[in-house]
C-alpha atoms as a PDB file:
ATOM      1  CA  MET A   1     139.472  59.927  38.444  1.00  0.00           C
ATOM      2  CA  LEU A   2     139.989  63.193  39.743  1.00  0.00           C
ATOM      3  CA  ASN A   3     142.991  63.974  42.266  1.00  0.00           C
ATOM      4  CA  SER A   4     141.220  64.013  46.087  1.00  0.00           C
ATOM      5  CA  ASN A   5     144.731  66.559  46.783  1.00  0.00           C
ATOM      6  CA  LEU A   6     143.272  69.028  44.346  1.00  0.00           C
ATOM      7  CA  PRO A   7     142.486  72.335  46.270  1.00  0.00           C
ATOM      8  CA  GLU A   8     138.685  72.335  47.313  1.00  0.00           C
ATOM      9  CA  SER A   9     137.895  75.501  44.389  1.00  0.00           C
ATOM     10  CA  GLU A  10     139.669  73.151  42.287  1.00  0.00           C
ATOM     11  CA  LEU A  11     137.904  69.846  43.319  1.00  0.00           C
ATOM     12  CA  LEU A  12     134.450  71.985  42.584  1.00  0.00           C
ATOM     13  CA  LYS A  13     135.856  73.423  39.227  1.00  0.00           C
ATOM     14  CA  ALA A  14     136.464  70.605  38.284  1.00  0.00           C
ATOM     15  CA  LEU A  15     132.838  68.671  38.796  1.00  0.00           C
ATOM     16  CA  LEU A  16     130.589  71.681  38.508  1.00  0.00           C
ATOM     17  CA  GLU A  17     132.028  73.373  35.384  1.00  0.00           C
ATOM     18  CA  PRO A  18     131.479  69.837  33.334  1.00  0.00           C
ATOM     19  CA  LEU A  19     128.031  69.227  35.160  1.00  0.00           C
ATOM     20  CA  LEU A  20     126.790  72.477  34.132  1.00  0.00           C
ATOM     21  CA  GLU A  21     127.907  72.144  30.423  1.00  0.00           C
ATOM     22  CA  ASP A  22     126.259  68.905  30.140  1.00  0.00           C
ATOM     23  CA  PHE A  23     123.027  70.208  31.467  1.00  0.00           C
ATOM     24  CA  ASN A  24     123.748  72.871  28.812  1.00  0.00           C
ATOM     25  CA  TYR A  25     124.024  70.472  26.195  1.00  0.00           C
ATOM     26  CA  TRP A  26     121.115  68.434  27.045  1.00  0.00           C
ATOM     27  CA  PHE A  27     118.555  71.137  27.421  1.00  0.00           C
ATOM     28  CA  GLU A  28     119.443  72.455  24.381  1.00  0.00           C
ATOM     29  CA  ARG A  29     119.017  69.116  22.775  1.00  0.00           C
ATOM     30  CA  SER A  30     115.628  68.844  24.233  1.00  0.00           C
ATOM     31  CA  SER A  31     114.823  72.511  23.347  1.00  0.00           C
ATOM     32  CA  ASN A  32     115.546  71.489  19.616  1.00  0.00           C
ATOM     33  CA  LEU A  33     113.217  68.527  19.146  1.00  0.00           C
ATOM     34  CA  LEU A  34     110.693  70.053  21.137  1.00  0.00           C
ATOM     35  CA  GLU A  35     110.375  73.143  19.323  1.00  0.00           C
ATOM     36  CA  THR A  36     110.787  71.110  15.477  1.00  0.00           C
ATOM     37  CA  GLU A  37     109.007  68.359  15.999  1.00  0.00           C
ATOM     38  CA  GLU A  38     105.328  67.431  16.779  1.00  0.00           C
ATOM     39  CA  ILE A  39     105.734  64.548  19.417  1.00  0.00           C
ATOM     40  CA  HIS A  40     102.736  62.595  18.581  1.00  0.00           C
ATOM     41  CA  PHE A  41     102.543  60.747  22.105  1.00  0.00           C
ATOM     42  CA  LEU A  42     102.313  64.225  23.593  1.00  0.00           C
ATOM     43  CA  SER A  43      99.457  66.906  23.803  1.00  0.00           C
ATOM     44  CA  GLY A  44      99.732  70.200  22.146  1.00  0.00           C
ATOM     45  CA  GLU A  45      99.827  71.456  25.717  1.00  0.00           C
ATOM     46  CA  ALA A  46     102.081  68.669  27.739  1.00  0.00           C
ATOM     47  CA  GLN A  47     104.497  69.457  25.034  1.00  0.00           C
ATOM     48  CA  SER A  48     104.358  73.447  25.313  1.00  0.00           C
ATOM     49  CA  ASN A  49     104.706  72.842  28.966  1.00  0.00           C
ATOM     50  CA  LEU A  50     107.638  70.656  28.967  1.00  0.00           C
ATOM     51  CA  LEU A  51     108.868  73.117  26.653  1.00  0.00           C
ATOM     52  CA  ALA A  52     108.460  75.576  28.873  1.00  0.00           C
ATOM     53  CA  ARG A  53     110.036  74.190  32.167  1.00  0.00           C
ATOM     54  CA  VAL A  54     113.038  73.301  29.213  1.00  0.00           C
ATOM     55  CA  LYS A  55     113.653  77.029  29.432  1.00  0.00           C
ATOM     56  CA  GLN A  56     113.264  78.158  32.377  1.00  0.00           C
ATOM     57  CA  ALA A  57     115.585  75.670  33.368  1.00  0.00           C
ATOM     58  CA  GLN A  58     118.050  76.976  30.595  1.00  0.00           C
ATOM     59  CA  GLN A  59     117.915  80.624  32.402  1.00  0.00           C
ATOM     60  CA  GLU A  60     118.487  78.338  35.871  1.00  0.00           C
ATOM     61  CA  VAL A  61     121.790  76.597  34.341  1.00  0.00           C
ATOM     62  CA  GLY A  62     122.826  79.804  32.600  1.00  0.00           C
ATOM     63  CA  ALA A  63     122.119  81.961  35.559  1.00  0.00           C
ATOM     64  CA  ALA A  64     124.249  79.185  37.497  1.00  0.00           C
ATOM     65  CA  LYS A  65     127.265  79.395  35.260  1.00  0.00           C
ATOM     66  CA  ALA A  66     127.168  82.990  35.365  1.00  0.00           C
ATOM     67  CA  LEU A  67     127.564  83.080  38.738  1.00  0.00           C
ATOM     68  CA  PHE A  68     129.627  80.356  38.884  1.00  0.00           C
ATOM     69  CA  GLN A  69     132.293  81.783  35.890  1.00  0.00           C
ATOM     70  CA  ALA A  70     131.793  85.605  37.862  1.00  0.00           C
ATOM     71  CA  THR A  71     132.944  84.404  41.749  1.00  0.00           C
ATOM     72  CA  GLY A  72     136.052  82.812  39.236  1.00  0.00           C
ATOM     73  CA  GLY A  73     134.791  78.898  40.385  1.00  0.00           C
ATOM     74  CA  GLN A  74     134.181  80.177  43.982  1.00  0.00           C
ATOM     75  CA  VAL A  75     130.614  78.853  44.542  1.00  0.00           C
ATOM     76  CA  GLY A  76     128.925  75.864  44.261  1.00  0.00           C
ATOM     77  CA  ILE A  77     124.912  75.329  44.167  1.00  0.00           C
ATOM     78  CA  GLU A  78     123.364  73.051  46.414  1.00  0.00           C
ATOM     79  CA  THR A  79     121.606  69.173  45.680  1.00  0.00           C
ATOM     80  CA  ALA A  80     118.298  70.826  46.375  1.00  0.00           C
ATOM     81  CA  ALA A  81     119.059  72.682  43.028  1.00  0.00           C
ATOM     82  CA  LEU A  82     120.530  70.330  40.611  1.00  0.00           C
ATOM     83  CA  MET A  83     118.238  67.480  41.282  1.00  0.00           C
ATOM     84  CA  PRO A  84     115.517  69.155  39.260  1.00  0.00           C
ATOM     85  CA  TRP A  85     117.592  69.780  36.110  1.00  0.00           C
ATOM     86  CA  HIS A  86     118.750  65.849  36.619  1.00  0.00           C
ATOM     87  CA  LYS A  87     114.825  64.587  36.697  1.00  0.00           C
ATOM     88  CA  LEU A  88     113.474  67.194  33.990  1.00  0.00           C
ATOM     89  CA  LEU A  89     116.564  65.900  31.527  1.00  0.00           C
ATOM     90  CA  ALA A  90     115.829  62.212  32.794  1.00  0.00           C
ATOM     91  CA  GLU A  91     111.995  63.249  31.335  1.00  0.00           C
ATOM     92  CA  CYS A  92     113.342  64.560  28.042  1.00  0.00           C
ATOM     93  CA  TRP A  93     115.483  61.701  27.566  1.00  0.00           C
ATOM     94  CA  GLN A  94     112.721  59.415  27.786  1.00  0.00           C
ATOM     95  CA  VAL A  95     110.480  61.649  25.281  1.00  0.00           C
ATOM     96  CA  SER A  96     113.258  61.412  22.929  1.00  0.00           C
ATOM     97  CA  ALA A  97     114.019  57.843  23.199  1.00  0.00           C
ATOM     98  CA  ARG A  98     110.224  56.798  22.656  1.00  0.00           C
ATOM     99  CA  PHE A  99     110.064  59.429  20.022  1.00  0.00           C
ATOM    100  CA  ARG A 100     113.167  58.022  18.456  1.00  0.00           C
ATOM    101  CA  SER A 101     112.125  54.576  18.932  1.00  0.00           C
ATOM    102  CA  TRP A 102     108.344  55.814  17.426  1.00  0.00           C
ATOM    103  CA  GLN A 103     110.484  57.466  14.038  1.00  0.00           C
ATOM    104  CA  SER A 104     112.625  54.597  13.225  1.00  0.00           C
ATOM    105  CA  ALA A 105     109.445  51.746  13.079  1.00  0.00           C
ATOM    106  CA  PRO A 106     106.145  54.034  13.238  1.00  0.00           C
ATOM    107  CA  PRO A 107     102.809  51.960  14.419  1.00  0.00           C
ATOM    108  CA  GLY A 108     100.945  50.028  11.558  1.00  0.00           C
ATOM    109  CA  LYS A 109     104.644  49.811   9.615  1.00  0.00           C
END
């Protein structure tokens, strides 16, 4: 549990830094899946579109992280900026779960 007596900048750093790392990690995994696997239930165009959105989000997260680090953790990120990333990750997790499920028991087996 976070210490509520932390100064605001330390609290921001304790929350935002790991969140940005999580976004980086999951977008990287999603990107890897979309680049290396043929997702049978997505058209080629849909898969390319999802990959492009993941790549764009990776750039945005990278820029936010760079700004956060350059200011010594003094700059936050609006929730409105985080929500599209969260929604995109939820979409990627659904695709990944469906793909992994299909891999473990392909139709017709």
